[in-house]
Amino acid sequence: MFPRNEGDTYRSPFRSPISNVLKTKSLFYEYAGPEAFFSLKDHDLRIIRRDPLTQEVTLDKVFPSLYLLYKEANDITEYDFASTYLESYDHWLKLCKCTWFKQDYLRRWRRDLELKQKATALKQIVKEASSSSKNSFQANKFLFEKNIGLDAQGNFRTKEKGIKVTTNEILDHVKQMESMTEDDYERIIQPDETRLSS
């Protein structure tokens, strides 16, 4: 997102120009105003300022939500995210150690990313379960074991709330279905010798 030039004259925009210390609070509009890079809000923040006398726009700037960038990066290691949007991974670690950031933002951001990844994985499992691929049985087995679905009232049901189904019950059910299928096949397709002889 930000250029990284080589050479003695380059100064990182993520460091204080006076002390050369990595920025933390001053990264965000909520603390640093228009000199910031990001917003702490859950959405991008657009600031428009006008001169009170002339009504000319003196500032029209969008501050990207670091929360949205974090979720979009979908990076559980946080390394690629930090390398893309901050000076380095060490810069991210410094920000994560700040009490104000950890308590008010980081915990929720990590929780939301974990939930997003679980939701994506579950959607893939449900999609696989409804397909005719060779993995559909395993996907359905997983969904049965976790008892994931909706209850009669349309509420999301998990194993704690719903009926528990064990792997052995599923396997017994599958064997029963296979047995019924073989019996049906033999009854319908295989010639009946008594019919042939008459």
C-alpha atoms as a PDB file:
ATOM      1  CA  MET A   1       0.000   0.000   0.000  1.00  0.00           C
ATOM      2  CA  PHE A   2       2.820   2.398   0.829  1.00  0.00           C
ATOM      3  CA  PRO A   3       6.076   2.634  -1.158  1.00  0.00           C
ATOM      4  CA  ARG A   4       9.256   1.509   0.494  1.00  0.00           C
ATOM      5  CA  ASN A   5      12.185   3.303  -1.095  1.00  0.00           C
ATOM      6  CA  GLU A   6      15.775   2.357  -0.468  1.00  0.00           C
ATOM      7  CA  GLY A   7      18.470   4.862   0.437  1.00  0.00           C
ATOM      8  CA  ASP A   8      19.579   7.197   3.183  1.00  0.00           C
ATOM      9  CA  THR A   9      17.114   9.982   2.355  1.00  0.00           C
ATOM     10  CA  TYR A  10      13.994   7.815   2.647  1.00  0.00           C
ATOM     11  CA  ARG A  11      11.991   8.240   5.827  1.00  0.00           C
ATOM     12  CA  SER A  12       9.207   5.816   6.632  1.00  0.00           C
ATOM     13  CA  PRO A  13       5.783   7.476   6.815  1.00  0.00           C
ATOM     14  CA  PHE A  14       5.043   5.118   9.707  1.00  0.00           C
ATOM     15  CA  ARG A  15       7.683   6.700  11.920  1.00  0.00           C
ATOM     16  CA  SER A  16       7.666   9.954  13.764  1.00  0.00           C
ATOM     17  CA  PRO A  17       9.716  12.478  11.751  1.00  0.00           C
ATOM     18  CA  ILE A  18      11.346  13.772  14.927  1.00  0.00           C
ATOM     19  CA  SER A  19      12.031  10.672  17.054  1.00  0.00           C
ATOM     20  CA  ASN A  20      11.902   7.997  14.314  1.00  0.00           C
ATOM     21  CA  VAL A  21       9.639   5.915  16.630  1.00  0.00           C
ATOM     22  CA  LEU A  22       6.981   3.715  15.009  1.00  0.00           C
ATOM     23  CA  LYS A  23       3.544   5.320  15.088  1.00  0.00           C
ATOM     24  CA  THR A  24       0.671   3.667  16.932  1.00  0.00           C
ATOM     25  CA  LYS A  25      -2.145   6.052  17.924  1.00  0.00           C
ATOM     26  CA  SER A  26      -1.116   8.550  15.275  1.00  0.00           C
ATOM     27  CA  LEU A  27      -1.869   5.976  12.582  1.00  0.00           C
ATOM     28  CA  PHE A  28      -5.570   6.635  13.125  1.00  0.00           C
ATOM     29  CA  TYR A  29      -7.759   9.607  12.284  1.00  0.00           C
ATOM     30  CA  GLU A  30      -9.525   9.319  15.635  1.00  0.00           C
ATOM     31  CA  TYR A  31      -6.252  10.300  17.363  1.00  0.00           C
ATOM     32  CA  ALA A  32      -4.207  12.168  14.751  1.00  0.00           C
ATOM     33  CA  GLY A  33      -6.759  13.871  12.543  1.00  0.00           C
ATOM     34  CA  PRO A  34      -6.109  14.389   8.823  1.00  0.00           C
ATOM     35  CA  GLU A  35      -2.427  13.378   9.014  1.00  0.00           C
ATOM     36  CA  ALA A  36      -3.413   9.779   9.814  1.00  0.00           C
ATOM     37  CA  PHE A  37      -3.448   6.764   7.497  1.00  0.00           C
ATOM     38  CA  PHE A  38      -6.439   4.773   8.763  1.00  0.00           C
ATOM     39  CA  SER A  39      -9.668   4.867  10.715  1.00  0.00           C
ATOM     40  CA  LEU A  40     -10.526   2.662  13.690  1.00  0.00           C
ATOM     41  CA  LYS A  41     -14.157   2.537  12.623  1.00  0.00           C
ATOM     42  CA  ASP A  42     -15.701  -0.613  11.143  1.00  0.00           C
ATOM     43  CA  HIS A  43     -16.153   1.235   7.845  1.00  0.00           C
ATOM     44  CA  ASP A  44     -14.057   3.600   5.747  1.00  0.00           C
ATOM     45  CA  LEU A  45     -14.281   7.158   6.990  1.00  0.00           C
ATOM     46  CA  ARG A  46     -14.658  10.033   4.540  1.00  0.00           C
ATOM     47  CA  ILE A  47     -13.889  13.493   5.885  1.00  0.00           C
ATOM     48  CA  ILE A  48     -14.938  16.563   3.950  1.00  0.00           C
ATOM     49  CA  ARG A  49     -14.023  19.986   5.313  1.00  0.00           C
ATOM     50  CA  ARG A  50     -15.057  23.291   3.820  1.00  0.00           C
ATOM     51  CA  ASP A  51     -13.793  26.783   4.339  1.00  0.00           C
ATOM     52  CA  PRO A  52     -16.537  28.523   6.373  1.00  0.00           C
ATOM     53  CA  LEU A  53     -16.372  31.694   4.301  1.00  0.00           C
ATOM     54  CA  THR A  54     -15.925  30.464   0.751  1.00  0.00           C
ATOM     55  CA  GLN A  55     -17.425  26.970   1.140  1.00  0.00           C
ATOM     56  CA  GLU A  56     -14.494  25.621  -0.866  1.00  0.00           C
ATOM     57  CA  VAL A  57     -13.505  22.082  -0.001  1.00  0.00           C
ATOM     58  CA  THR A  58     -10.267  22.207   1.954  1.00  0.00           C
ATOM     59  CA  LEU A  59     -10.136  18.495   2.722  1.00  0.00           C
ATOM     60  CA  ASP A  60     -11.761  15.522   1.028  1.00  0.00           C
ATOM     61  CA  LYS A  61     -10.048  12.382   2.198  1.00  0.00           C
ATOM     62  CA  VAL A  62     -11.030   8.770   2.820  1.00  0.00           C
ATOM     63  CA  PHE A  63      -9.395   7.013   5.733  1.00  0.00           C
ATOM     64  CA  PRO A  64      -9.580   3.271   5.122  1.00  0.00           C
ATOM     65  CA  SER A  65     -10.849   1.182   8.010  1.00  0.00           C
ATOM     66  CA  LEU A  66      -7.949  -0.911   9.308  1.00  0.00           C
ATOM     67  CA  TYR A  67     -10.583  -3.325  10.620  1.00  0.00           C
ATOM     68  CA  LEU A  68     -11.936  -3.934   7.103  1.00  0.00           C
ATOM     69  CA  LEU A  69      -8.432  -4.272   5.681  1.00  0.00           C
ATOM     70  CA  TYR A  70      -7.633  -6.790   8.434  1.00  0.00           C
ATOM     71  CA  LYS A  71     -10.732  -8.872   7.653  1.00  0.00           C
ATOM     72  CA  GLU A  72     -10.212  -8.670   3.881  1.00  0.00           C
ATOM     73  CA  ALA A  73      -6.591  -9.801   4.236  1.00  0.00           C
ATOM     74  CA  ASN A  74      -7.953 -12.998   5.829  1.00  0.00           C
ATOM     75  CA  ASP A  75      -4.487 -13.651   7.234  1.00  0.00           C
ATOM     76  CA  ILE A  76      -4.540 -15.650  10.461  1.00  0.00           C
ATOM     77  CA  THR A  77      -0.761 -15.231  10.834  1.00  0.00           C
ATOM     78  CA  GLU A  78      -1.185 -11.454  10.429  1.00  0.00           C
ATOM     79  CA  TYR A  79       2.222 -11.328   8.710  1.00  0.00           C
ATOM     80  CA  ASP A  80       1.039 -10.530   5.183  1.00  0.00           C
ATOM     81  CA  PHE A  81      -1.492  -8.049   6.532  1.00  0.00           C
ATOM     82  CA  ALA A  82       1.189  -6.218   8.537  1.00  0.00           C
ATOM     83  CA  SER A  83       3.669  -6.246   5.653  1.00  0.00           C
ATOM     84  CA  THR A  84       1.055  -4.797   3.298  1.00  0.00           C
ATOM     85  CA  TYR A  85      -0.476  -2.070   5.442  1.00  0.00           C
ATOM     86  CA  LEU A  86       2.153  -1.184   8.052  1.00  0.00           C
ATOM     87  CA  GLU A  87       5.909  -0.791   8.045  1.00  0.00           C
ATOM     88  CA  SER A  88       6.538  -4.375   9.122  1.00  0.00           C
ATOM     89  CA  TYR A  89       5.332  -7.259  11.226  1.00  0.00           C
ATOM     90  CA  ASP A  90       7.229  -5.763  14.176  1.00  0.00           C
ATOM     91  CA  HIS A  91       5.199  -2.599  13.720  1.00  0.00           C
ATOM     92  CA  TRP A  92       2.008  -4.682  13.993  1.00  0.00           C
ATOM     93  CA  LEU A  93       3.327  -6.395  17.132  1.00  0.00           C
ATOM     94  CA  LYS A  94       4.049  -3.004  18.687  1.00  0.00           C
ATOM     95  CA  LEU A  95       0.494  -1.869  17.917  1.00  0.00           C
ATOM     96  CA  CYS A  96      -0.914  -5.123  19.360  1.00  0.00           C
ATOM     97  CA  LYS A  97       0.929  -4.509  22.646  1.00  0.00           C
ATOM     98  CA  CYS A  98      -0.787  -1.139  23.138  1.00  0.00           C
ATOM     99  CA  THR A  99      -3.380  -1.591  25.881  1.00  0.00           C
ATOM    100  CA  TRP A 100      -5.887   0.785  24.240  1.00  0.00           C
ATOM    101  CA  PHE A 101      -5.683  -1.138  20.953  1.00  0.00           C
ATOM    102  CA  LYS A 102      -5.712  -4.628  22.471  1.00  0.00           C
ATOM    103  CA  GLN A 103      -8.700  -4.030  24.737  1.00  0.00           C
ATOM    104  CA  ASP A 104     -10.869  -1.946  22.438  1.00  0.00           C
ATOM    105  CA  TYR A 105     -10.102  -3.365  19.001  1.00  0.00           C
ATOM    106  CA  LEU A 106      -7.684  -6.279  18.597  1.00  0.00           C
ATOM    107  CA  ARG A 107      -9.662  -8.909  20.509  1.00  0.00           C
ATOM    108  CA  ARG A 108     -12.804  -8.226  18.488  1.00  0.00           C
ATOM    109  CA  TRP A 109     -10.907  -8.086  15.202  1.00  0.00           C
ATOM    110  CA  ARG A 110      -9.301 -11.482  15.830  1.00  0.00           C
ATOM    111  CA  ARG A 111     -12.612 -12.968  16.946  1.00  0.00           C
ATOM    112  CA  ASP A 112     -14.357 -11.653  13.828  1.00  0.00           C
ATOM    113  CA  LEU A 113     -11.608 -12.999  11.554  1.00  0.00           C
ATOM    114  CA  GLU A 114     -11.821 -16.425  13.198  1.00  0.00           C
ATOM    115  CA  LEU A 115     -15.621 -16.453  12.796  1.00  0.00           C
ATOM    116  CA  LYS A 116     -15.285 -15.363   9.160  1.00  0.00           C
ATOM    117  CA  GLN A 117     -12.863 -18.218   8.457  1.00  0.00           C
ATOM    118  CA  LYS A 118     -15.088 -20.748  10.233  1.00  0.00           C
ATOM    119  CA  ALA A 119     -18.115 -19.523   8.290  1.00  0.00           C
ATOM    120  CA  THR A 120     -16.219 -19.863   5.005  1.00  0.00           C
ATOM    121  CA  ALA A 121     -15.084 -23.381   5.899  1.00  0.00           C
ATOM    122  CA  LEU A 122     -18.588 -24.401   6.944  1.00  0.00           C
ATOM    123  CA  LYS A 123     -20.044 -23.074   3.670  1.00  0.00           C
ATOM    124  CA  GLN A 124     -17.526 -25.217   1.779  1.00  0.00           C
ATOM    125  CA  ILE A 125     -18.495 -28.274   3.826  1.00  0.00           C
ATOM    126  CA  VAL A 126     -22.213 -27.675   3.220  1.00  0.00           C
ATOM    127  CA  LYS A 127     -21.535 -27.190  -0.505  1.00  0.00           C
ATOM    128  CA  GLU A 128     -19.496 -30.399  -0.610  1.00  0.00           C
ATOM    129  CA  ALA A 129     -22.182 -32.275   1.334  1.00  0.00           C
ATOM    130  CA  SER A 130     -24.821 -31.371  -1.244  1.00  0.00           C
ATOM    131  CA  SER A 131     -22.629 -32.362  -4.187  1.00  0.00           C
ATOM    132  CA  SER A 132     -22.250 -35.809  -5.695  1.00  0.00           C
ATOM    133  CA  SER A 133     -18.482 -35.906  -5.221  1.00  0.00           C
ATOM    134  CA  LYS A 134     -16.657 -38.676  -3.444  1.00  0.00           C
ATOM    135  CA  ASN A 135     -16.208 -36.386  -0.416  1.00  0.00           C
ATOM    136  CA  SER A 136     -19.907 -35.668   0.074  1.00  0.00           C
ATOM    137  CA  PHE A 137     -20.336 -38.550   2.532  1.00  0.00           C
ATOM    138  CA  GLN A 138     -17.508 -37.251   4.757  1.00  0.00           C
ATOM    139  CA  ALA A 139     -18.937 -33.730   4.610  1.00  0.00           C
ATOM    140  CA  ASN A 140     -22.405 -34.983   5.565  1.00  0.00           C
ATOM    141  CA  LYS A 141     -20.883 -37.121   8.295  1.00  0.00           C
ATOM    142  CA  PHE A 142     -19.186 -34.025   9.724  1.00  0.00           C
ATOM    143  CA  LEU A 143     -22.426 -32.035   9.628  1.00  0.00           C
ATOM    144  CA  PHE A 144     -24.293 -34.877  11.338  1.00  0.00           C
ATOM    145  CA  GLU A 145     -21.623 -35.282  14.019  1.00  0.00           C
ATOM    146  CA  LYS A 146     -21.675 -31.578  14.781  1.00  0.00           C
ATOM    147  CA  ASN A 147     -25.460 -31.508  14.347  1.00  0.00           C
ATOM    148  CA  ILE A 148     -25.266 -28.270  12.418  1.00  0.00           C
ATOM    149  CA  GLY A 149     -28.456 -26.920  10.921  1.00  0.00           C
ATOM    150  CA  LEU A 150     -31.717 -25.212  11.762  1.00  0.00           C
ATOM    151  CA  ASP A 151     -34.225 -26.352  14.347  1.00  0.00           C
ATOM    152  CA  ALA A 152     -38.006 -26.397  13.814  1.00  0.00           C
ATOM    153  CA  GLN A 153     -38.279 -22.705  14.740  1.00  0.00           C
ATOM    154  CA  GLY A 154     -35.591 -21.733  12.196  1.00  0.00           C
ATOM    155  CA  ASN A 155     -32.937 -21.025  14.814  1.00  0.00           C
ATOM    156  CA  PHE A 156     -29.343 -22.070  14.243  1.00  0.00           C
ATOM    157  CA  ARG A 157     -28.735 -25.355  16.024  1.00  0.00           C
ATOM    158  CA  THR A 158     -25.443 -26.672  17.304  1.00  0.00           C
ATOM    159  CA  LYS A 159     -24.582 -29.933  18.994  1.00  0.00           C
ATOM    160  CA  GLU A 160     -25.207 -28.438  22.439  1.00  0.00           C
ATOM    161  CA  LYS A 161     -28.800 -27.506  21.561  1.00  0.00           C
ATOM    162  CA  GLY A 162     -29.787 -30.258  19.158  1.00  0.00           C
ATOM    163  CA  ILE A 163     -30.055 -34.016  18.937  1.00  0.00           C
ATOM    164  CA  LYS A 164     -26.716 -35.764  19.178  1.00  0.00           C
ATOM    165  CA  VAL A 165     -25.941 -38.219  16.404  1.00  0.00           C
ATOM    166  CA  THR A 166     -22.934 -40.486  16.755  1.00  0.00           C
ATOM    167  CA  THR A 167     -20.702 -41.733  13.964  1.00  0.00           C
ATOM    168  CA  ASN A 168     -21.842 -45.320  14.587  1.00  0.00           C
ATOM    169  CA  GLU A 169     -25.481 -44.292  14.154  1.00  0.00           C
ATOM    170  CA  ILE A 170     -24.642 -42.643  10.834  1.00  0.00           C
ATOM    171  CA  LEU A 171     -22.631 -45.659   9.653  1.00  0.00           C
ATOM    172  CA  ASP A 172     -25.440 -48.024  10.692  1.00  0.00           C
ATOM    173  CA  HIS A 173     -27.889 -45.865   8.768  1.00  0.00           C
ATOM    174  CA  VAL A 174     -25.645 -45.869   5.670  1.00  0.00           C
ATOM    175  CA  LYS A 175     -25.225 -49.673   5.847  1.00  0.00           C
ATOM    176  CA  GLN A 176     -28.976 -50.072   6.164  1.00  0.00           C
ATOM    177  CA  MET A 177     -29.497 -47.838   3.112  1.00  0.00           C
ATOM    178  CA  GLU A 178     -26.887 -49.805   1.127  1.00  0.00           C
ATOM    179  CA  SER A 179     -28.538 -53.088   2.081  1.00  0.00           C
ATOM    180  CA  MET A 180     -31.943 -51.789   1.013  1.00  0.00           C
ATOM    181  CA  THR A 181     -30.471 -50.604  -2.292  1.00  0.00           C
ATOM    182  CA  GLU A 182     -28.883 -54.002  -3.003  1.00  0.00           C
ATOM    183  CA  ASP A 183     -32.137 -55.805  -2.160  1.00  0.00           C
ATOM    184  CA  ASP A 184     -34.081 -53.438  -4.430  1.00  0.00           C
ATOM    185  CA  TYR A 185     -31.562 -53.921  -7.229  1.00  0.00           C
ATOM    186  CA  GLU A 186     -31.780 -57.689  -7.015  1.00  0.00           C
ATOM    187  CA  ARG A 187     -35.569 -57.592  -6.878  1.00  0.00           C
ATOM    188  CA  ILE A 188     -36.001 -55.220  -9.828  1.00  0.00           C
ATOM    189  CA  ILE A 189     -33.099 -56.017 -12.152  1.00  0.00           C
ATOM    190  CA  GLN A 190     -32.298 -59.659 -11.558  1.00  0.00           C
ATOM    191  CA  PRO A 191     -34.611 -62.020 -13.415  1.00  0.00           C
ATOM    192  CA  ASP A 192     -36.949 -64.016 -11.238  1.00  0.00           C
ATOM    193  CA  GLU A 193     -36.534 -67.699 -12.141  1.00  0.00           C
ATOM    194  CA  THR A 194     -40.088 -68.497 -11.178  1.00  0.00           C
ATOM    195  CA  ARG A 195     -41.357 -65.900 -13.647  1.00  0.00           C
ATOM    196  CA  LEU A 196     -39.106 -67.200 -16.419  1.00  0.00           C
ATOM    197  CA  SER A 197     -40.213 -70.784 -16.027  1.00  0.00           C
ATOM    198  CA  SER A 198     -43.915 -69.987 -16.335  1.00  0.00           C
END
